[in-house]
Amino acid sequence: MVRLSAILGQHLPVFRQVFQFSDKNLLRWYPGHMGKGMKQMQQKLKSVDCIVEVHDARIPISGRNEQFRYTVSGLRPHILVLNKMDLADLSHEGVVRDYLTKQGMSEVLYTNCKDLSCSGLKKIVPTINRLILNSERYNRNEKEEFTVMVIGVPNVGKSSVINAIRNKYLKKSKAAAVGAIAGITRSVLTKIKVCQDPLIYVLDTPGILDPKVEDVETGFKLALCSSMNDHLVGIRHIADYLLYFLNRRGDFEYVHHLGLSSPLDSIEEVLINSAVNMGKTLKRKNAEGGYTIVPDIDAAAYNFVKLFRTGALGKFLLDEV
């Protein structure tokens, strides 16, 4: 991590302390399939024994859909799986767990679905079994199989968690669609068998955001972690939030990766310089009828954001704990 000590002697700009973004409508992505999905989830609750909520470990507090607590979970056992732990800064894990416990979320597991030997993945089925056996199953007491509903906001790895469990216990290939774009799963699917002993079926569900993401930073944290579609929020806006976040915490690793000479507070300067260094250009018609070569700003923005999402810039905890 490149911090101030590594660039002493350079003149640093005065970095922004507040991220200002006026158009909140860009952060309200709630397409029709989300509303339909919530209704489908509620209709299937009578057959559900346990809720497994999957969220991104980089934002363990921000962006969780508060509607789940009241409309889906209820009195059922509820497990919070913080996935993508391989991309998250876990140095404050204890503080995060304490906070979540105070919020009523005592069953928290960290997972990396790319690693089937991950201890968190190994704990999911035993935790499901323990919680269901110690709970009131009401009209499902006579049922031998357990049914689990997997919920969460878009692109946090719900389908990946399901596939990892299925692979581990049944040695079968993936049964749920996986993608790097928010909104891959569009509806509540039929039951997917993931374990024989105990007999467990899961219901995969579409990622559902809170319809009212009022806080600008929460919205951009979700966007930065791919839980909102890039083209709807705007990749340059997302890149600008990333720059603001890195500068505010004094993390200048991006300077090296983007080939810059020093940290910058202007996203336009960062992207123009980065595009030039990458050799990414576009042809634009000029007033004389000819063409002008200009830096490809969007390509530079996608590259910058990708560095964060793939872990090239380091491991992060976007929430302040």
C-alpha atoms as a PDB file:
ATOM      1  CA  MET A   1       0.000   0.000   0.000  1.00  0.00           C
ATOM      2  CA  VAL A   2       1.431   3.345  -1.092  1.00  0.00           C
ATOM      3  CA  ARG A   3       0.861   5.877   1.675  1.00  0.00           C
ATOM      4  CA  LEU A   4       2.072   9.370   2.469  1.00  0.00           C
ATOM      5  CA  SER A   5       5.427   8.113   3.733  1.00  0.00           C
ATOM      6  CA  ALA A   6       6.224   6.749   0.270  1.00  0.00           C
ATOM      7  CA  ILE A   7       5.666  10.057  -1.498  1.00  0.00           C
ATOM      8  CA  LEU A   8       7.162  12.517   0.986  1.00  0.00           C
ATOM      9  CA  GLY A   9       8.539  15.596  -0.680  1.00  0.00           C
ATOM     10  CA  GLN A  10       5.790  15.679  -3.289  1.00  0.00           C
ATOM     11  CA  HIS A  11       3.200  18.434  -3.203  1.00  0.00           C
ATOM     12  CA  LEU A  12      -0.122  16.811  -2.375  1.00  0.00           C
ATOM     13  CA  PRO A  13      -3.480  18.389  -3.208  1.00  0.00           C
ATOM     14  CA  VAL A  14      -6.061  19.122  -0.546  1.00  0.00           C
ATOM     15  CA  PHE A  15      -8.288  16.075  -0.853  1.00  0.00           C
ATOM     16  CA  ARG A  16     -12.070  16.136  -0.591  1.00  0.00           C
ATOM     17  CA  GLN A  17     -13.490  15.190   2.795  1.00  0.00           C
ATOM     18  CA  VAL A  18     -17.079  14.861   1.566  1.00  0.00           C
ATOM     19  CA  PHE A  19     -18.334  13.120  -1.559  1.00  0.00           C
ATOM     20  CA  GLN A  20     -20.921  15.352  -3.181  1.00  0.00           C
ATOM     21  CA  PHE A  21     -23.370  13.879  -5.648  1.00  0.00           C
ATOM     22  CA  SER A  22     -26.670  15.599  -6.298  1.00  0.00           C
ATOM     23  CA  ASP A  23     -28.584  13.161  -8.526  1.00  0.00           C
ATOM     24  CA  LYS A  24     -29.920  10.567  -6.066  1.00  0.00           C
ATOM     25  CA  ASN A  25     -32.201   9.143  -8.765  1.00  0.00           C
ATOM     26  CA  LEU A  26     -29.171   7.392 -10.264  1.00  0.00           C
ATOM     27  CA  LEU A  27     -28.920   5.355  -7.072  1.00  0.00           C
ATOM     28  CA  ARG A  28     -32.506   4.092  -7.139  1.00  0.00           C
ATOM     29  CA  TRP A  29     -32.291   1.026  -9.308  1.00  0.00           C
ATOM     30  CA  TYR A  30     -35.330  -1.106  -8.514  1.00  0.00           C
ATOM     31  CA  PRO A  31     -36.510  -2.796 -11.730  1.00  0.00           C
ATOM     32  CA  GLY A  32     -39.774  -4.661 -11.923  1.00  0.00           C
ATOM     33  CA  HIS A  33     -38.269  -8.096 -11.362  1.00  0.00           C
ATOM     34  CA  MET A  34     -37.163  -7.011  -7.858  1.00  0.00           C
ATOM     35  CA  GLY A  35     -40.693  -6.168  -6.745  1.00  0.00           C
ATOM     36  CA  LYS A  36     -41.958  -9.382  -8.313  1.00  0.00           C
ATOM     37  CA  GLY A  37     -39.162 -11.334  -6.640  1.00  0.00           C
ATOM     38  CA  MET A  38     -40.018  -9.973  -3.187  1.00  0.00           C
ATOM     39  CA  LYS A  39     -43.639 -11.076  -3.619  1.00  0.00           C
ATOM     40  CA  GLN A  40     -42.539 -14.533  -4.768  1.00  0.00           C
ATOM     41  CA  MET A  41     -40.273 -14.843  -1.745  1.00  0.00           C
ATOM     42  CA  GLN A  42     -43.089 -13.968   0.637  1.00  0.00           C
ATOM     43  CA  GLN A  43     -45.387 -16.492  -1.039  1.00  0.00           C
ATOM     44  CA  LYS A  44     -42.875 -19.295  -0.469  1.00  0.00           C
ATOM     45  CA  LEU A  45     -42.128 -18.512   3.173  1.00  0.00           C
ATOM     46  CA  LYS A  46     -44.468 -21.204   4.520  1.00  0.00           C
ATOM     47  CA  SER A  47     -42.147 -23.844   3.099  1.00  0.00           C
ATOM     48  CA  VAL A  48     -38.926 -22.215   4.390  1.00  0.00           C
ATOM     49  CA  ASP A  49     -37.102 -23.330   7.566  1.00  0.00           C
ATOM     50  CA  CYS A  50     -34.107 -20.977   7.514  1.00  0.00           C
ATOM     51  CA  ILE A  51     -32.919 -17.787   5.839  1.00  0.00           C
ATOM     52  CA  VAL A  52     -29.338 -17.470   4.586  1.00  0.00           C
ATOM     53  CA  GLU A  53     -28.578 -13.849   3.731  1.00  0.00           C
ATOM     54  CA  VAL A  54     -25.460 -13.301   1.616  1.00  0.00           C
ATOM     55  CA  HIS A  55     -23.714  -9.931   1.582  1.00  0.00           C
ATOM     56  CA  ASP A  56     -20.366  -8.519   0.457  1.00  0.00           C
ATOM     57  CA  ALA A  57     -17.684  -8.676   3.183  1.00  0.00           C
ATOM     58  CA  ARG A  58     -16.319  -5.320   2.009  1.00  0.00           C
ATOM     59  CA  ILE A  59     -19.582  -3.647   3.063  1.00  0.00           C
ATOM     60  CA  PRO A  60     -20.769  -5.792   5.997  1.00  0.00           C
ATOM     61  CA  ILE A  61     -23.011  -3.046   7.343  1.00  0.00           C
ATOM     62  CA  SER A  62     -23.966  -0.836   4.400  1.00  0.00           C
ATOM     63  CA  GLY A  63     -26.535  -1.715   1.793  1.00  0.00           C
ATOM     64  CA  ARG A  64     -28.251  -4.701   3.415  1.00  0.00           C
ATOM     65  CA  ASN A  65     -31.923  -4.609   2.494  1.00  0.00           C
ATOM     66  CA  GLU A  66     -33.778  -3.708   5.693  1.00  0.00           C
ATOM     67  CA  GLN A  67     -37.015  -5.088   4.218  1.00  0.00           C
ATOM     68  CA  PHE A  68     -35.658  -8.622   4.615  1.00  0.00           C
ATOM     69  CA  ARG A  69     -35.715  -8.354   8.402  1.00  0.00           C
ATOM     70  CA  TYR A  70     -39.420  -7.572   8.482  1.00  0.00           C
ATOM     71  CA  THR A  71     -40.894  -9.231   5.408  1.00  0.00           C
ATOM     72  CA  VAL A  72     -38.806 -12.371   4.895  1.00  0.00           C
ATOM     73  CA  SER A  73     -36.883 -13.436   7.978  1.00  0.00           C
ATOM     74  CA  GLY A  74     -39.411 -13.017  10.783  1.00  0.00           C
ATOM     75  CA  LEU A  75     -38.928 -15.639  13.494  1.00  0.00           C
ATOM     76  CA  ARG A  76     -37.012 -18.022  11.267  1.00  0.00           C
ATOM     77  CA  PRO A  77     -33.333 -18.791  11.916  1.00  0.00           C
ATOM     78  CA  HIS A  78     -31.247 -16.229  10.008  1.00  0.00           C
ATOM     79  CA  ILE A  79     -27.599 -16.654   8.996  1.00  0.00           C
ATOM     80  CA  LEU A  80     -25.570 -13.790   7.547  1.00  0.00           C
ATOM     81  CA  VAL A  81     -22.867 -14.965   5.125  1.00  0.00           C
ATOM     82  CA  LEU A  82     -20.282 -12.280   4.355  1.00  0.00           C
ATOM     83  CA  ASN A  83     -18.915 -13.466   1.032  1.00  0.00           C
ATOM     84  CA  LYS A  84     -15.876 -12.324  -1.004  1.00  0.00           C
ATOM     85  CA  MET A  85     -13.755 -12.286   2.134  1.00  0.00           C
ATOM     86  CA  ASP A  86     -10.694 -12.714  -0.092  1.00  0.00           C
ATOM     87  CA  LEU A  87     -11.228  -9.097  -1.215  1.00  0.00           C
ATOM     88  CA  ALA A  88     -12.019  -7.686   2.229  1.00  0.00           C
ATOM     89  CA  ASP A  89      -9.860  -6.172   4.961  1.00  0.00           C
ATOM     90  CA  LEU A  90     -10.666  -8.416   7.930  1.00  0.00           C
ATOM     91  CA  SER A  91      -8.535  -6.580  10.488  1.00  0.00           C
ATOM     92  CA  HIS A  92     -11.714  -5.175  12.070  1.00  0.00           C
ATOM     93  CA  GLU A  93     -13.686  -8.434  11.958  1.00  0.00           C
ATOM     94  CA  GLY A  94     -14.243  -8.439  15.725  1.00  0.00           C
ATOM     95  CA  VAL A  95     -15.706  -4.933  15.697  1.00  0.00           C
ATOM     96  CA  VAL A  96     -17.948  -5.819  12.758  1.00  0.00           C
ATOM     97  CA  ARG A  97     -19.228  -8.926  14.538  1.00  0.00           C
ATOM     98  CA  ASP A  98     -19.933  -6.935  17.703  1.00  0.00           C
ATOM     99  CA  TYR A  99     -21.893  -4.354  15.727  1.00  0.00           C
ATOM    100  CA  LEU A 100     -23.918  -6.996  13.869  1.00  0.00           C
ATOM    101  CA  THR A 101     -24.638  -8.866  17.114  1.00  0.00           C
ATOM    102  CA  LYS A 102     -26.078  -5.678  18.613  1.00  0.00           C
ATOM    103  CA  GLN A 103     -28.273  -5.440  15.520  1.00  0.00           C
ATOM    104  CA  GLY A 104     -29.634  -8.920  16.242  1.00  0.00           C
ATOM    105  CA  MET A 105     -27.422 -10.788  13.770  1.00  0.00           C
ATOM    106  CA  SER A 106     -25.479 -13.276  15.909  1.00  0.00           C
ATOM    107  CA  GLU A 107     -24.875 -15.961  13.262  1.00  0.00           C
ATOM    108  CA  VAL A 108     -22.229 -14.484  10.946  1.00  0.00           C
ATOM    109  CA  LEU A 109     -19.963 -16.494   8.641  1.00  0.00           C
ATOM    110  CA  TYR A 110     -17.184 -15.198   6.363  1.00  0.00           C
ATOM    111  CA  THR A 111     -16.758 -17.068   3.079  1.00  0.00           C
ATOM    112  CA  ASN A 112     -14.719 -17.222  -0.112  1.00  0.00           C
ATOM    113  CA  CYS A 113     -16.621 -19.294  -2.660  1.00  0.00           C
ATOM    114  CA  LYS A 114     -13.545 -19.623  -4.846  1.00  0.00           C
ATOM    115  CA  ASP A 115     -11.985 -21.824  -2.149  1.00  0.00           C
ATOM    116  CA  LEU A 116     -13.945 -24.962  -1.253  1.00  0.00           C
ATOM    117  CA  SER A 117     -11.632 -25.490   1.728  1.00  0.00           C
ATOM    118  CA  CYS A 118     -12.808 -22.165   3.203  1.00  0.00           C
ATOM    119  CA  SER A 119     -13.722 -22.684   6.882  1.00  0.00           C
ATOM    120  CA  GLY A 120     -16.752 -20.433   6.559  1.00  0.00           C
ATOM    121  CA  LEU A 121     -18.191 -22.537   3.737  1.00  0.00           C
ATOM    122  CA  LYS A 122     -17.670 -25.666   5.824  1.00  0.00           C
ATOM    123  CA  LYS A 123     -19.723 -24.138   8.649  1.00  0.00           C
ATOM    124  CA  ILE A 124     -22.812 -23.202   6.623  1.00  0.00           C
ATOM    125  CA  VAL A 125     -24.539 -26.607   6.546  1.00  0.00           C
ATOM    126  CA  PRO A 126     -23.757 -27.494  10.217  1.00  0.00           C
ATOM    127  CA  THR A 127     -25.050 -24.054  11.252  1.00  0.00           C
ATOM    128  CA  ILE A 128     -28.235 -24.504   9.203  1.00  0.00           C
ATOM    129  CA  ASN A 129     -28.770 -27.942  10.754  1.00  0.00           C
ATOM    130  CA  ARG A 130     -28.200 -26.705  14.316  1.00  0.00           C
ATOM    131  CA  LEU A 131     -30.449 -23.675  14.014  1.00  0.00           C
ATOM    132  CA  ILE A 132     -33.341 -25.525  12.377  1.00  0.00           C
ATOM    133  CA  LEU A 133     -33.242 -28.399  14.883  1.00  0.00           C
ATOM    134  CA  ASN A 134     -33.383 -25.845  17.723  1.00  0.00           C
ATOM    135  CA  SER A 135     -36.217 -23.829  16.199  1.00  0.00           C
ATOM    136  CA  GLU A 136     -39.991 -24.011  15.986  1.00  0.00           C
ATOM    137  CA  ARG A 137     -40.761 -25.346  12.526  1.00  0.00           C
ATOM    138  CA  TYR A 138     -44.515 -24.847  12.990  1.00  0.00           C
ATOM    139  CA  ASN A 139     -46.310 -26.506  10.048  1.00  0.00           C
ATOM    140  CA  ARG A 140     -43.100 -28.170   8.872  1.00  0.00           C
ATOM    141  CA  ASN A 141     -42.354 -30.388  11.864  1.00  0.00           C
ATOM    142  CA  GLU A 142     -43.273 -33.522   9.916  1.00  0.00           C
ATOM    143  CA  LYS A 143     -41.038 -32.681   6.970  1.00  0.00           C
ATOM    144  CA  GLU A 144     -37.768 -34.601   6.863  1.00  0.00           C
ATOM    145  CA  GLU A 145     -36.063 -32.230   4.443  1.00  0.00           C
ATOM    146  CA  PHE A 146     -34.944 -28.711   5.310  1.00  0.00           C
ATOM    147  CA  THR A 147     -35.678 -25.833   2.943  1.00  0.00           C
ATOM    148  CA  VAL A 148     -33.456 -22.775   3.000  1.00  0.00           C
ATOM    149  CA  MET A 149     -34.055 -19.480   1.211  1.00  0.00           C
ATOM    150  CA  VAL A 150     -30.909 -17.659   0.088  1.00  0.00           C
ATOM    151  CA  ILE A 151     -31.426 -13.897  -0.094  1.00  0.00           C
ATOM    152  CA  GLY A 152     -29.374 -10.731  -0.564  1.00  0.00           C
ATOM    153  CA  VAL A 153     -28.780  -7.660  -2.692  1.00  0.00           C
ATOM    154  CA  PRO A 154     -27.540  -8.183  -6.288  1.00  0.00           C
ATOM    155  CA  ASN A 155     -24.162  -9.700  -7.129  1.00  0.00           C
ATOM    156  CA  VAL A 156     -22.945 -10.575  -3.637  1.00  0.00           C
ATOM    157  CA  GLY A 157     -22.480 -14.247  -4.506  1.00  0.00           C
ATOM    158  CA  LYS A 158     -25.770 -15.935  -3.551  1.00  0.00           C
ATOM    159  CA  SER A 159     -25.625 -18.352  -6.477  1.00  0.00           C
ATOM    160  CA  SER A 160     -21.915 -18.912  -5.889  1.00  0.00           C
ATOM    161  CA  VAL A 161     -22.593 -19.893  -2.264  1.00  0.00           C
ATOM    162  CA  ILE A 162     -25.290 -22.340  -3.392  1.00  0.00           C
ATOM    163  CA  ASN A 163     -23.027 -23.877  -6.028  1.00  0.00           C
ATOM    164  CA  ALA A 164     -20.094 -24.153  -3.617  1.00  0.00           C
ATOM    165  CA  ILE A 165     -22.206 -26.010  -1.028  1.00  0.00           C
ATOM    166  CA  ARG A 166     -23.669 -28.281  -3.707  1.00  0.00           C
ATOM    167  CA  ASN A 167     -20.227 -29.047  -5.059  1.00  0.00           C
ATOM    168  CA  LYS A 168     -18.861 -29.768  -1.584  1.00  0.00           C
ATOM    169  CA  TYR A 169     -21.630 -32.106  -0.413  1.00  0.00           C
ATOM    170  CA  LEU A 170     -22.999 -33.611  -3.648  1.00  0.00           C
ATOM    171  CA  LYS A 171     -19.907 -33.303  -5.876  1.00  0.00           C
ATOM    172  CA  LYS A 172     -22.112 -31.847  -8.610  1.00  0.00           C
ATOM    173  CA  SER A 173     -21.542 -28.933 -10.948  1.00  0.00           C
ATOM    174  CA  LYS A 174     -23.295 -25.624 -10.567  1.00  0.00           C
ATOM    175  CA  ALA A 175     -27.080 -25.500 -10.588  1.00  0.00           C
ATOM    176  CA  ALA A 176     -27.526 -21.724 -10.179  1.00  0.00           C
ATOM    177  CA  ALA A 177     -26.508 -19.087 -12.723  1.00  0.00           C
ATOM    178  CA  VAL A 178     -23.458 -17.034 -11.767  1.00  0.00           C
ATOM    179  CA  GLY A 179     -22.360 -13.742 -13.274  1.00  0.00           C
ATOM    180  CA  ALA A 180     -20.412 -10.563 -12.538  1.00  0.00           C
ATOM    181  CA  ILE A 181     -23.367  -8.345 -13.475  1.00  0.00           C
ATOM    182  CA  ALA A 182     -26.063  -7.381 -10.978  1.00  0.00           C
ATOM    183  CA  GLY A 183     -29.434  -8.981 -11.693  1.00  0.00           C
ATOM    184  CA  ILE A 184     -28.481 -12.375 -13.176  1.00  0.00           C
ATOM    185  CA  THR A 185     -31.075 -14.295 -11.123  1.00  0.00           C
ATOM    186  CA  ARG A 186     -34.461 -12.887 -12.114  1.00  0.00           C
ATOM    187  CA  SER A 187     -36.986 -14.933 -10.135  1.00  0.00           C
ATOM    188  CA  VAL A 188     -37.396 -17.385  -7.257  1.00  0.00           C
ATOM    189  CA  LEU A 189     -36.401 -20.751  -8.675  1.00  0.00           C
ATOM    190  CA  THR A 190     -37.523 -24.259  -7.852  1.00  0.00           C
ATOM    191  CA  LYS A 191     -35.770 -26.166  -5.107  1.00  0.00           C
ATOM    192  CA  ILE A 192     -32.097 -26.994  -5.582  1.00  0.00           C
ATOM    193  CA  LYS A 193     -30.746 -29.961  -3.643  1.00  0.00           C
ATOM    194  CA  VAL A 194     -27.421 -29.088  -2.000  1.00  0.00           C
ATOM    195  CA  CYS A 195     -26.930 -31.765   0.665  1.00  0.00           C
ATOM    196  CA  GLN A 196     -28.102 -35.327   1.318  1.00  0.00           C
ATOM    197  CA  ASP A 197     -27.357 -35.686   5.048  1.00  0.00           C
ATOM    198  CA  PRO A 198     -29.025 -33.634   6.341  1.00  0.00           C
ATOM    199  CA  LEU A 199     -31.355 -33.381   3.362  1.00  0.00           C
ATOM    200  CA  ILE A 200     -31.293 -29.707   2.415  1.00  0.00           C
ATOM    201  CA  TYR A 201     -32.884 -27.875  -0.474  1.00  0.00           C
ATOM    202  CA  VAL A 202     -32.351 -24.205  -1.224  1.00  0.00           C
ATOM    203  CA  LEU A 203     -34.323 -21.559  -3.062  1.00  0.00           C
ATOM    204  CA  ASP A 204     -32.179 -19.118  -5.011  1.00  0.00           C
ATOM    205  CA  THR A 205     -33.711 -15.632  -5.241  1.00  0.00           C
ATOM    206  CA  PRO A 206     -33.112 -12.471  -7.249  1.00  0.00           C
ATOM    207  CA  GLY A 207     -30.930  -9.804  -5.705  1.00  0.00           C
ATOM    208  CA  ILE A 208     -33.213  -7.190  -4.202  1.00  0.00           C
ATOM    209  CA  LEU A 209     -32.079  -3.724  -3.183  1.00  0.00           C
ATOM    210  CA  ASP A 210     -33.856  -1.438  -0.790  1.00  0.00           C
ATOM    211  CA  PRO A 211     -36.087   0.690  -3.078  1.00  0.00           C
ATOM    212  CA  LYS A 212     -34.969   3.806  -1.216  1.00  0.00           C
ATOM    213  CA  VAL A 213     -31.174   4.026  -1.030  1.00  0.00           C
ATOM    214  CA  GLU A 214     -31.264   7.501   0.510  1.00  0.00           C
ATOM    215  CA  ASP A 215     -27.624   7.784   1.540  1.00  0.00           C
ATOM    216  CA  VAL A 216     -25.308   8.704  -1.331  1.00  0.00           C
ATOM    217  CA  GLU A 217     -22.264   6.915   0.084  1.00  0.00           C
ATOM    218  CA  THR A 218     -24.223   3.720   0.694  1.00  0.00           C
ATOM    219  CA  GLY A 219     -25.376   3.796  -2.915  1.00  0.00           C
ATOM    220  CA  PHE A 220     -21.852   4.224  -4.220  1.00  0.00           C
ATOM    221  CA  LYS A 221     -20.470   1.519  -1.952  1.00  0.00           C
ATOM    222  CA  LEU A 222     -23.025  -0.842  -3.498  1.00  0.00           C
ATOM    223  CA  ALA A 223     -22.119   0.372  -6.981  1.00  0.00           C
ATOM    224  CA  LEU A 224     -18.382  -0.003  -6.340  1.00  0.00           C
ATOM    225  CA  CYS A 225     -18.969  -3.605  -5.234  1.00  0.00           C
ATOM    226  CA  SER A 226     -21.060  -4.307  -8.394  1.00  0.00           C
ATOM    227  CA  SER A 227     -24.424  -4.506  -6.630  1.00  0.00           C
ATOM    228  CA  MET A 228     -25.798  -1.815  -8.940  1.00  0.00           C
ATOM    229  CA  ASN A 229     -25.330  -1.823 -12.698  1.00  0.00           C
ATOM    230  CA  ASP A 230     -22.399   0.298 -13.886  1.00  0.00           C
ATOM    231  CA  HIS A 231     -24.219   1.766 -16.875  1.00  0.00           C
ATOM    232  CA  LEU A 232     -27.091   2.978 -14.714  1.00  0.00           C
ATOM    233  CA  VAL A 233     -24.969   4.716 -12.078  1.00  0.00           C
ATOM    234  CA  GLY A 234     -22.236   5.767 -14.527  1.00  0.00           C
ATOM    235  CA  ILE A 235     -18.759   4.254 -14.487  1.00  0.00           C
ATOM    236  CA  ARG A 236     -17.127   7.690 -14.200  1.00  0.00           C
ATOM    237  CA  HIS A 237     -19.188   8.476 -11.111  1.00  0.00           C
ATOM    238  CA  ILE A 238     -18.179   5.145  -9.569  1.00  0.00           C
ATOM    239  CA  ALA A 239     -14.530   5.815 -10.387  1.00  0.00           C
ATOM    240  CA  ASP A 240     -14.833   9.267  -8.798  1.00  0.00           C
ATOM    241  CA  TYR A 241     -16.180   7.747  -5.575  1.00  0.00           C
ATOM    242  CA  LEU A 242     -13.310   5.235  -5.560  1.00  0.00           C
ATOM    243  CA  LEU A 243     -10.785   8.055  -5.941  1.00  0.00           C
ATOM    244  CA  TYR A 244     -12.433   9.993  -3.118  1.00  0.00           C
ATOM    245  CA  PHE A 245     -12.415   6.917  -0.863  1.00  0.00           C
ATOM    246  CA  LEU A 246      -8.754   6.073  -1.506  1.00  0.00           C
ATOM    247  CA  ASN A 247      -7.513   9.634  -1.069  1.00  0.00           C
ATOM    248  CA  ARG A 248      -9.477  10.162   2.132  1.00  0.00           C
ATOM    249  CA  ARG A 249      -7.861   7.136   3.753  1.00  0.00           C
ATOM    250  CA  GLY A 250      -4.397   8.055   2.471  1.00  0.00           C
ATOM    251  CA  ASP A 251      -4.078   5.002   0.227  1.00  0.00           C
ATOM    252  CA  PHE A 252      -2.225   5.936  -2.956  1.00  0.00           C
ATOM    253  CA  GLU A 253      -1.605   2.507  -4.462  1.00  0.00           C
ATOM    254  CA  TYR A 254      -3.551   3.659  -7.511  1.00  0.00           C
ATOM    255  CA  VAL A 255      -0.762   6.127  -8.409  1.00  0.00           C
ATOM    256  CA  HIS A 256       1.547   3.232  -9.311  1.00  0.00           C
ATOM    257  CA  HIS A 257      -1.105   1.142 -11.065  1.00  0.00           C
ATOM    258  CA  LEU A 258      -2.333   4.014 -13.234  1.00  0.00           C
ATOM    259  CA  GLY A 259       1.130   5.332 -14.025  1.00  0.00           C
ATOM    260  CA  LEU A 260       0.554   8.707 -12.397  1.00  0.00           C
ATOM    261  CA  SER A 261       3.320  10.908 -11.032  1.00  0.00           C
ATOM    262  CA  SER A 262       1.418  11.805  -7.862  1.00  0.00           C
ATOM    263  CA  PRO A 263      -1.999  11.471  -6.189  1.00  0.00           C
ATOM    264  CA  LEU A 264      -4.766  13.601  -7.686  1.00  0.00           C
ATOM    265  CA  ASP A 265      -8.146  14.743  -6.393  1.00  0.00           C
ATOM    266  CA  SER A 266      -9.682  15.353  -9.823  1.00  0.00           C
ATOM    267  CA  ILE A 267     -11.166  12.257 -11.439  1.00  0.00           C
ATOM    268  CA  GLU A 268     -10.926  13.949 -14.857  1.00  0.00           C
ATOM    269  CA  GLU A 269      -7.157  14.353 -14.478  1.00  0.00           C
ATOM    270  CA  VAL A 270      -6.779  10.803 -13.207  1.00  0.00           C
ATOM    271  CA  LEU A 271      -8.734   9.274 -16.093  1.00  0.00           C
ATOM    272  CA  ILE A 272      -7.157  11.394 -18.835  1.00  0.00           C
ATOM    273  CA  ASN A 273      -3.638  10.583 -17.639  1.00  0.00           C
ATOM    274  CA  SER A 274      -4.519   6.934 -17.121  1.00  0.00           C
ATOM    275  CA  ALA A 275      -6.059   6.601 -20.598  1.00  0.00           C
ATOM    276  CA  VAL A 276      -2.961   8.152 -22.170  1.00  0.00           C
ATOM    277  CA  ASN A 277      -0.689   5.808 -20.223  1.00  0.00           C
ATOM    278  CA  MET A 278      -2.783   2.820 -21.293  1.00  0.00           C
ATOM    279  CA  GLY A 279      -2.819   3.930 -24.918  1.00  0.00           C
ATOM    280  CA  LYS A 280      -6.634   3.953 -24.898  1.00  0.00           C
ATOM    281  CA  THR A 281      -7.959   6.497 -27.386  1.00  0.00           C
ATOM    282  CA  LEU A 282     -11.047   7.292 -29.454  1.00  0.00           C
ATOM    283  CA  LYS A 283     -11.546   8.996 -32.823  1.00  0.00           C
ATOM    284  CA  ARG A 284     -13.890  11.966 -32.662  1.00  0.00           C
ATOM    285  CA  LYS A 285     -15.070  14.088 -35.578  1.00  0.00           C
ATOM    286  CA  ASN A 286     -13.995  17.703 -35.340  1.00  0.00           C
ATOM    287  CA  ALA A 287     -15.567  20.889 -36.713  1.00  0.00           C
ATOM    288  CA  GLU A 288     -13.374  20.783 -39.826  1.00  0.00           C
ATOM    289  CA  GLY A 289     -14.724  17.365 -40.831  1.00  0.00           C
ATOM    290  CA  GLY A 290     -11.596  15.524 -39.844  1.00  0.00           C
ATOM    291  CA  TYR A 291     -10.854  13.412 -36.803  1.00  0.00           C
ATOM    292  CA  THR A 292      -9.288  14.179 -33.469  1.00  0.00           C
ATOM    293  CA  ILE A 293      -7.733  11.524 -31.238  1.00  0.00           C
ATOM    294  CA  VAL A 294      -8.951  11.854 -27.644  1.00  0.00           C
ATOM    295  CA  PRO A 295      -8.322   9.760 -24.497  1.00  0.00           C
ATOM    296  CA  ASP A 296     -10.891   6.992 -23.880  1.00  0.00           C
ATOM    297  CA  ILE A 297     -12.142   8.171 -20.491  1.00  0.00           C
ATOM    298  CA  ASP A 298     -14.675   5.367 -20.017  1.00  0.00           C
ATOM    299  CA  ALA A 299     -12.062   2.678 -20.685  1.00  0.00           C
ATOM    300  CA  ALA A 300      -9.816   4.293 -18.082  1.00  0.00           C
ATOM    301  CA  ALA A 301     -12.700   4.458 -15.594  1.00  0.00           C
ATOM    302  CA  TYR A 302     -13.545   0.767 -16.085  1.00  0.00           C
ATOM    303  CA  ASN A 303      -9.890  -0.136 -15.614  1.00  0.00           C
ATOM    304  CA  PHE A 304      -9.621   1.893 -12.393  1.00  0.00           C
ATOM    305  CA  VAL A 305     -12.766   0.349 -10.896  1.00  0.00           C
ATOM    306  CA  LYS A 306     -11.692  -3.127 -12.012  1.00  0.00           C
ATOM    307  CA  LEU A 307      -8.439  -2.722 -10.065  1.00  0.00           C
ATOM    308  CA  PHE A 308     -10.524  -2.321  -6.915  1.00  0.00           C
ATOM    309  CA  ARG A 309     -12.964  -5.122  -7.689  1.00  0.00           C
ATOM    310  CA  THR A 310     -10.259  -7.684  -8.433  1.00  0.00           C
ATOM    311  CA  GLY A 311      -8.202  -6.835  -5.352  1.00  0.00           C
ATOM    312  CA  ALA A 312      -5.284  -5.358  -7.311  1.00  0.00           C
ATOM    313  CA  LEU A 313      -5.392  -2.224  -5.150  1.00  0.00           C
ATOM    314  CA  GLY A 314      -5.509  -4.249  -1.926  1.00  0.00           C
ATOM    315  CA  LYS A 315      -8.145  -5.486   0.486  1.00  0.00           C
ATOM    316  CA  PHE A 316     -10.729  -3.047   1.770  1.00  0.00           C
ATOM    317  CA  LEU A 317     -13.452  -2.444   4.295  1.00  0.00           C
ATOM    318  CA  LEU A 318     -15.608   0.332   2.875  1.00  0.00           C
ATOM    319  CA  ASP A 319     -17.663   0.731   6.044  1.00  0.00           C
ATOM    320  CA  GLU A 320     -16.337   2.842   8.898  1.00  0.00           C
ATOM    321  CA  VAL A 321     -16.497   0.742  12.043  1.00  0.00           C
END
